[in-house]
Every structure is written in C-alpha cells, then in structure tokens.
Amino acid sequence: MSRRTTPPDLEGYRFVEFLGEGGFADVYKYEQIGRFVAVKVLHSNLGTDNQSAFEAEAHMMGKLSEHPNVVSIYGAGR
C-alpha cells in the first residue's frame, strides 16, 4: 500500500514531478527561479523518533552543503 504524500503548494516553487519514495518521506521535483530543486516530504503517519531523525538529517546536510560532493540544503520547515 502506497503512503505517497500530496505535493505541497510552496510559494515561489512550481511542482514538476514525483521523484521517488523512501522509508519515511517522498521526494518531489520543483522549479525555483530557473533551477530544479528536490523537496522531501515526511509521511504523515510517522512517530516523533522519525521526525527527529528527519530534522537531524536536514541539519547535518546543511552543515555539509558546501562540500562539492554533497547536495545543498536551501531550507527546511513545516
């Protein structure tokens, strides 16, 4: 059974397509000011442990985003 989330309506971003799903989130492709970005959306039925893991991942990726082999994080939120 698929747990796919609905692509969020994000101001300044245009939804392009669904990219894939993982254990606790779906990933969507959006366009923002002439570049493509990936937006990761948590599945709504997750507990607080997975929410905390997701937030920790976002913070870690933000710290590493200047490395040439790591994707840049432009923002995180609800």
Protein backbone atom coordinates (compact mmCIF):
# COMPACT_ATOMS: atom_id res chain seq x y z
CA MET A 1 0.00 0.00 0.00
CA SER A 2 1.43 3.37 -1.04
CA ARG A 3 1.77 6.12 1.55
CA ARG A 4 2.52 8.78 -1.06
CA THR A 5 2.03 12.31 0.22
CA THR A 6 0.43 15.13 -1.75
CA PRO A 7 2.98 17.52 -3.29
CA PRO A 8 2.82 20.68 -1.18
CA ASP A 9 1.89 24.05 -2.67
CA LEU A 10 5.03 26.09 -2.00
CA GLU A 11 5.17 29.81 -2.71
CA GLY A 12 7.90 30.57 -5.24
CA TYR A 13 8.17 26.94 -6.37
CA ARG A 14 6.47 25.17 -9.29
CA PHE A 15 5.77 21.44 -8.89
CA VAL A 16 7.29 19.37 -11.72
CA GLU A 17 7.07 15.67 -10.84
CA PHE A 18 7.27 12.91 -8.24
CA LEU A 19 10.85 11.59 -7.98
CA GLY A 20 10.63 8.71 -5.51
CA GLU A 21 9.93 7.49 -2.02
CA GLY A 22 11.95 6.28 0.90
CA GLY A 23 11.29 4.79 4.29
CA PHE A 24 9.86 7.94 5.83
CA ALA A 25 9.46 10.51 3.05
CA ASP A 26 8.54 11.20 -0.57
CA VAL A 27 10.69 13.35 -2.85
CA TYR A 28 9.30 15.77 -5.44
CA LYS A 29 10.96 17.84 -8.13
CA TYR A 30 10.14 21.57 -8.17
CA GLU A 31 11.43 24.51 -10.17
CA GLN A 32 12.55 27.63 -8.35
CA ILE A 33 13.98 30.74 -10.06
CA GLY A 34 15.34 28.82 -13.02
CA ARG A 35 16.82 25.87 -11.12
CA PHE A 36 15.42 22.50 -10.16
CA VAL A 37 15.22 21.51 -6.50
CA ALA A 38 14.15 18.39 -4.66
CA VAL A 39 11.58 18.71 -1.89
CA LYS A 40 11.41 15.92 0.68
CA VAL A 41 8.03 15.47 2.41
CA LEU A 42 7.65 13.27 5.50
CA HIS A 43 4.90 10.67 5.56
CA SER A 44 2.22 11.92 7.94
CA ASN A 45 1.91 8.70 9.97
CA LEU A 46 5.43 8.77 11.41
CA GLY A 47 6.23 9.00 15.07
CA THR A 48 8.36 11.59 16.81
CA ASP A 49 11.51 9.43 16.52
CA ASN A 50 11.38 9.60 12.72
CA GLN A 51 10.55 13.32 12.82
CA SER A 52 13.66 13.85 14.93
CA ALA A 53 15.76 11.73 12.55
CA PHE A 54 14.49 13.77 9.58
CA GLU A 55 15.37 17.06 11.30
CA ALA A 56 18.82 15.74 12.29
CA GLU A 57 19.42 14.71 8.66
CA ALA A 58 18.46 18.20 7.42
CA HIS A 59 20.81 19.86 9.92
CA MET A 60 23.69 17.53 9.03
CA MET A 61 23.19 18.06 5.30
CA GLY A 62 23.09 21.81 5.89
CA LYS A 63 26.47 21.65 7.61
CA LEU A 64 27.94 19.66 4.72
CA SER A 65 26.31 21.59 1.89
CA GLU A 66 29.47 23.43 0.84
CA HIS A 67 31.23 20.16 0.02
CA PRO A 68 31.33 19.61 -3.78
CA ASN A 69 30.00 16.02 -3.48
CA VAL A 70 27.02 16.81 -1.22
CA VAL A 71 23.68 18.30 -2.21
CA SER A 72 22.95 21.79 -0.92
CA ILE A 73 20.11 22.35 1.53
CA TYR A 74 18.21 25.58 0.83
CA GLY A 75 15.71 25.30 3.64
CA ALA A 76 13.67 23.09 5.96
CA GLY A 77 10.32 23.66 7.57
CA ARG A 78 6.72 22.66 8.04
